[in-house]
C-alpha atoms as a PDB file:
ATOM      1  CA  MET A   1       0.000   0.000   0.000  1.00  0.00           C
ATOM      2  CA  ASN A   2       2.731   2.498   0.961  1.00  0.00           C
ATOM      3  CA  SER A   3       4.789   1.618  -2.112  1.00  0.00           C
ATOM      4  CA  ASN A   4       1.735   2.212  -4.330  1.00  0.00           C
ATOM      5  CA  LEU A   5       1.223   5.603  -2.716  1.00  0.00           C
ATOM      6  CA  LEU A   6       4.890   6.488  -3.220  1.00  0.00           C
ATOM      7  CA  LEU A   7       4.740   5.366  -6.863  1.00  0.00           C
ATOM      8  CA  PHE A   8       1.589   7.452  -7.413  1.00  0.00           C
ATOM      9  CA  GLY A   9       3.244  10.513  -5.851  1.00  0.00           C
ATOM     10  CA  LEU A  10       6.356  10.158  -8.012  1.00  0.00           C
ATOM     11  CA  THR A  11       4.221   9.718 -11.128  1.00  0.00           C
ATOM     12  CA  CYS A  12       2.286  12.925 -10.343  1.00  0.00           C
ATOM     13  CA  LEU A  13       5.511  14.836  -9.696  1.00  0.00           C
ATOM     14  CA  LEU A  14       7.087  13.732 -12.974  1.00  0.00           C
ATOM     15  CA  ALA A  15       3.907  14.472 -14.927  1.00  0.00           C
ATOM     16  CA  SER A  16       3.684  17.983 -13.492  1.00  0.00           C
ATOM     17  CA  CYS A  17       7.350  18.669 -14.330  1.00  0.00           C
ATOM     18  CA  ALA A  18       6.987  17.328 -17.857  1.00  0.00           C
ATOM     19  CA  SER A  19       3.874  19.385 -18.583  1.00  0.00           C
ATOM     20  CA  LYS A  20       5.473  22.679 -17.502  1.00  0.00           C
ATOM     21  CA  GLY A  21       6.553  24.982 -20.310  1.00  0.00           C
ATOM     22  CA  LYS A  22      10.270  24.895 -20.987  1.00  0.00           C
ATOM     23  CA  ILE A  23      12.196  28.148 -20.619  1.00  0.00           C
ATOM     24  CA  GLU A  24      15.420  28.502 -22.615  1.00  0.00           C
ATOM     25  CA  ALA A  25      18.035  31.109 -23.414  1.00  0.00           C
ATOM     26  CA  PRO A  26      17.005  33.306 -26.358  1.00  0.00           C
ATOM     27  CA  ASP A  27      18.449  32.525 -29.767  1.00  0.00           C
ATOM     28  CA  ALA A  28      21.763  34.216 -30.540  1.00  0.00           C
ATOM     29  CA  GLY A  29      21.190  37.441 -32.436  1.00  0.00           C
ATOM     30  CA  THR A  30      17.680  38.040 -31.077  1.00  0.00           C
ATOM     31  CA  PRO A  31      17.378  41.834 -31.085  1.00  0.00           C
ATOM     32  CA  GLY A  32      16.216  43.751 -28.056  1.00  0.00           C
ATOM     33  CA  ILE A  33      13.371  46.241 -28.032  1.00  0.00           C
ATOM     34  CA  ILE A  34      13.166  49.928 -27.152  1.00  0.00           C
ATOM     35  CA  ILE A  35      10.430  51.581 -25.114  1.00  0.00           C
ATOM     36  CA  ALA A  36      10.810  55.315 -25.762  1.00  0.00           C
ATOM     37  CA  GLN A  37       9.114  56.626 -22.616  1.00  0.00           C
ATOM     38  CA  GLU A  38       8.004  55.312 -19.236  1.00  0.00           C
ATOM     39  CA  GLU A  39       4.673  53.515 -19.565  1.00  0.00           C
ATOM     40  CA  THR A  40       2.092  52.517 -16.926  1.00  0.00           C
ATOM     41  CA  ARG A  41      -0.270  49.637 -17.622  1.00  0.00           C
ATOM     42  CA  GLU A  42      -2.978  47.756 -15.761  1.00  0.00           C
ATOM     43  CA  HIS A  43      -2.907  44.009 -15.280  1.00  0.00           C
ATOM     44  CA  TYR A  44      -4.555  41.339 -13.131  1.00  0.00           C
ATOM     45  CA  TRP A  45      -2.922  42.536  -9.862  1.00  0.00           C
ATOM     46  CA  GLY A  46      -3.102  46.277 -10.409  1.00  0.00           C
ATOM     47  CA  LYS A  47      -0.617  48.532 -12.181  1.00  0.00           C
ATOM     48  CA  VAL A  48       2.962  48.217 -13.376  1.00  0.00           C
ATOM     49  CA  VAL A  49       5.378  50.917 -14.526  1.00  0.00           C
ATOM     50  CA  PHE A  50       7.678  49.962 -17.400  1.00  0.00           C
ATOM     51  CA  PRO A  51      10.805  52.160 -17.470  1.00  0.00           C
ATOM     52  CA  ALA A  52      11.946  53.690 -20.751  1.00  0.00           C
ATOM     53  CA  GLY A  53      15.006  52.167 -22.371  1.00  0.00           C
ATOM     54  CA  HIS A  54      16.558  49.142 -24.029  1.00  0.00           C
ATOM     55  CA  TYR A  55      14.956  45.813 -23.094  1.00  0.00           C
ATOM     56  CA  LYS A  56      17.228  42.845 -23.805  1.00  0.00           C
ATOM     57  CA  PRO A  57      15.966  39.314 -24.523  1.00  0.00           C
ATOM     58  CA  GLU A  58      16.498  37.282 -21.348  1.00  0.00           C
ATOM     59  CA  ALA A  59      14.650  34.052 -22.069  1.00  0.00           C
ATOM     60  CA  LYS A  60      12.253  32.404 -24.473  1.00  0.00           C
ATOM     61  CA  SER A  61       9.487  29.846 -24.279  1.00  0.00           C
ATOM     62  CA  GLN A  62       7.552  28.055 -26.984  1.00  0.00           C
ATOM     63  CA  ASP A  63       5.085  30.983 -26.809  1.00  0.00           C
ATOM     64  CA  GLY A  64       7.374  34.019 -27.069  1.00  0.00           C
ATOM     65  CA  ILE A  65      10.256  36.083 -25.696  1.00  0.00           C
ATOM     66  CA  TYR A  66      10.850  37.599 -22.255  1.00  0.00           C
ATOM     67  CA  TYR A  67      12.518  41.019 -22.622  1.00  0.00           C
ATOM     68  CA  ALA A  68      14.198  42.308 -19.436  1.00  0.00           C
ATOM     69  CA  ALA A  69      13.700  45.948 -18.463  1.00  0.00           C
ATOM     70  CA  PRO A  70      16.846  48.083 -18.067  1.00  0.00           C
ATOM     71  CA  THR A  71      15.872  48.811 -14.436  1.00  0.00           C
ATOM     72  CA  PRO A  72      13.389  47.060 -12.105  1.00  0.00           C
ATOM     73  CA  LEU A  73       9.685  47.322 -12.830  1.00  0.00           C
ATOM     74  CA  ASN A  74       7.611  49.251 -10.315  1.00  0.00           C
ATOM     75  CA  THR A  75       4.784  46.875  -9.422  1.00  0.00           C
ATOM     76  CA  GLY A  76       3.512  48.952  -6.514  1.00  0.00           C
ATOM     77  CA  GLY A  77       3.775  45.989  -4.175  1.00  0.00           C
ATOM     78  CA  VAL A  78       4.976  45.740  -0.617  1.00  0.00           C
ATOM     79  CA  ILE A  79       7.769  43.254  -1.285  1.00  0.00           C
ATOM     80  CA  ARG A  80      11.036  44.998  -2.223  1.00  0.00           C
ATOM     81  CA  SER A  81       9.118  48.318  -2.261  1.00  0.00           C
ATOM     82  CA  GLY A  82       7.418  47.215  -5.451  1.00  0.00           C
ATOM     83  CA  LYS A  83      10.675  46.951  -7.420  1.00  0.00           C
ATOM     84  CA  GLU A  84      10.869  43.653  -9.322  1.00  0.00           C
ATOM     85  CA  HIS A  85      13.206  42.177 -11.922  1.00  0.00           C
ATOM     86  CA  GLY A  86      11.074  41.624 -14.987  1.00  0.00           C
ATOM     87  CA  GLY A  87       9.995  43.200 -18.207  1.00  0.00           C
ATOM     88  CA  LEU A  88       7.809  42.819 -21.250  1.00  0.00           C
ATOM     89  CA  PHE A  89       6.774  39.450 -22.687  1.00  0.00           C
ATOM     90  CA  ILE A  90       5.787  39.376 -26.359  1.00  0.00           C
ATOM     91  CA  ASN A  91       4.180  36.224 -27.684  1.00  0.00           C
ATOM     92  CA  LYS A  92       4.398  34.969 -31.257  1.00  0.00           C
ATOM     93  CA  ALA A  93       1.055  36.598 -32.114  1.00  0.00           C
ATOM     94  CA  GLY A  94       2.333  39.981 -30.861  1.00  0.00           C
ATOM     95  CA  SER A  95       0.305  40.119 -27.627  1.00  0.00           C
ATOM     96  CA  GLN A  96       2.104  41.616 -24.637  1.00  0.00           C
ATOM     97  CA  GLY A  97       2.335  40.910 -20.944  1.00  0.00           C
ATOM     98  CA  MET A  98       4.206  41.936 -17.807  1.00  0.00           C
ATOM     99  CA  TRP A  99       6.552  39.347 -16.307  1.00  0.00           C
ATOM    100  CA  ILE A 100       8.556  39.140 -13.116  1.00  0.00           C
ATOM    101  CA  GLY A 101      11.060  36.494 -12.061  1.00  0.00           C
ATOM    102  CA  GLN A 102      14.675  35.452 -12.592  1.00  0.00           C
ATOM    103  CA  PRO A 103      14.779  33.280 -15.748  1.00  0.00           C
ATOM    104  CA  GLY A 104      18.257  34.491 -16.815  1.00  0.00           C
ATOM    105  CA  TYR A 105      19.816  33.601 -13.471  1.00  0.00           C
ATOM    106  CA  GLN A 106      18.011  30.260 -13.380  1.00  0.00           C
ATOM    107  CA  LEU A 107      19.197  29.414 -16.899  1.00  0.00           C
ATOM    108  CA  GLN A 108      22.791  30.095 -15.825  1.00  0.00           C
ATOM    109  CA  GLN A 109      22.328  27.642 -12.943  1.00  0.00           C
ATOM    110  CA  ALA A 110      20.359  25.055 -14.983  1.00  0.00           C
ATOM    111  CA  PRO A 111      23.257  22.935 -16.339  1.00  0.00           C
ATOM    112  CA  GLY A 112      24.212  22.022 -12.773  1.00  0.00           C
ATOM    113  CA  THR A 113      20.718  20.959 -11.721  1.00  0.00           C
ATOM    114  CA  VAL A 114      19.293  17.464 -11.927  1.00  0.00           C
ATOM    115  CA  MET A 115      16.515  18.473 -14.330  1.00  0.00           C
ATOM    116  CA  GLY A 116      18.571  20.982 -16.333  1.00  0.00           C
ATOM    117  CA  SER A 117      16.559  23.643 -18.136  1.00  0.00           C
ATOM    118  CA  TRP A 118      13.318  21.731 -17.457  1.00  0.00           C
ATOM    119  CA  GLY A 119      13.802  22.774 -13.831  1.00  0.00           C
ATOM    120  CA  VAL A 120      13.817  26.488 -14.693  1.00  0.00           C
ATOM    121  CA  GLU A 121      10.782  28.150 -13.172  1.00  0.00           C
ATOM    122  CA  THR A 122       8.429  29.959 -15.535  1.00  0.00           C
ATOM    123  CA  PRO A 123       8.322  33.696 -14.700  1.00  0.00           C
ATOM    124  CA  ILE A 124       5.051  35.102 -13.370  1.00  0.00           C
ATOM    125  CA  LEU A 125       3.238  36.455 -16.417  1.00  0.00           C
ATOM    126  CA  ARG A 126       0.191  38.732 -16.566  1.00  0.00           C
ATOM    127  CA  ALA A 127      -1.498  40.221 -19.631  1.00  0.00           C
ATOM    128  CA  ILE A 128      -1.477  44.016 -19.781  1.00  0.00           C
ATOM    129  CA  SER A 129      -4.545  46.049 -20.687  1.00  0.00           C
ATOM    130  CA  VAL A 130      -3.113  48.158 -23.541  1.00  0.00           C
ATOM    131  CA  PRO A 131      -0.091  47.251 -25.708  1.00  0.00           C
ATOM    132  CA  ILE A 132       3.078  49.330 -25.402  1.00  0.00           C
ATOM    133  CA  VAL A 133       4.556  50.938 -28.504  1.00  0.00           C
ATOM    134  CA  ILE A 134       7.957  49.364 -29.083  1.00  0.00           C
ATOM    135  CA  LYS A 135      10.617  49.373 -31.751  1.00  0.00           C
ATOM    136  CA  LYS A 136      13.344  46.831 -32.432  1.00  0.00           C
ATOM    137  CA  ALA A 137      16.750  47.760 -31.131  1.00  0.00           C
ATOM    138  CA  GLN A 138      19.778  47.767 -33.408  1.00  0.00           C
ATOM    139  CA  ASP A 139      21.793  45.422 -31.168  1.00  0.00           C
END
């Protein structure tokens, strides 16, 4: 009975890990994006302030690219005075979202982990209410 329960638990754990989206380093040569002026947008939790500047590609998923802001996002939260590492996510259809997390750091650590890049945690992602005007950087 206990061995069946252990086997069931391991099966659930492996299934949940396998179904999680894989985060990888962006392709070499992926250009960054430029946001010309500070922008405030609404999302599921409230508001986020995107600083102006050059956003570099930090990670990619099968759905799109995570562009890191040049300085922390202001999420208005209590933790870290509302300053979070994150940026703008753009999916393959062009839709945008706010993300926070540490995918770049996790990808650097991934080769030394048991699960490799499959163990990299997906950043928190929230759709924003109105798209931000961007232009491609000349990296």
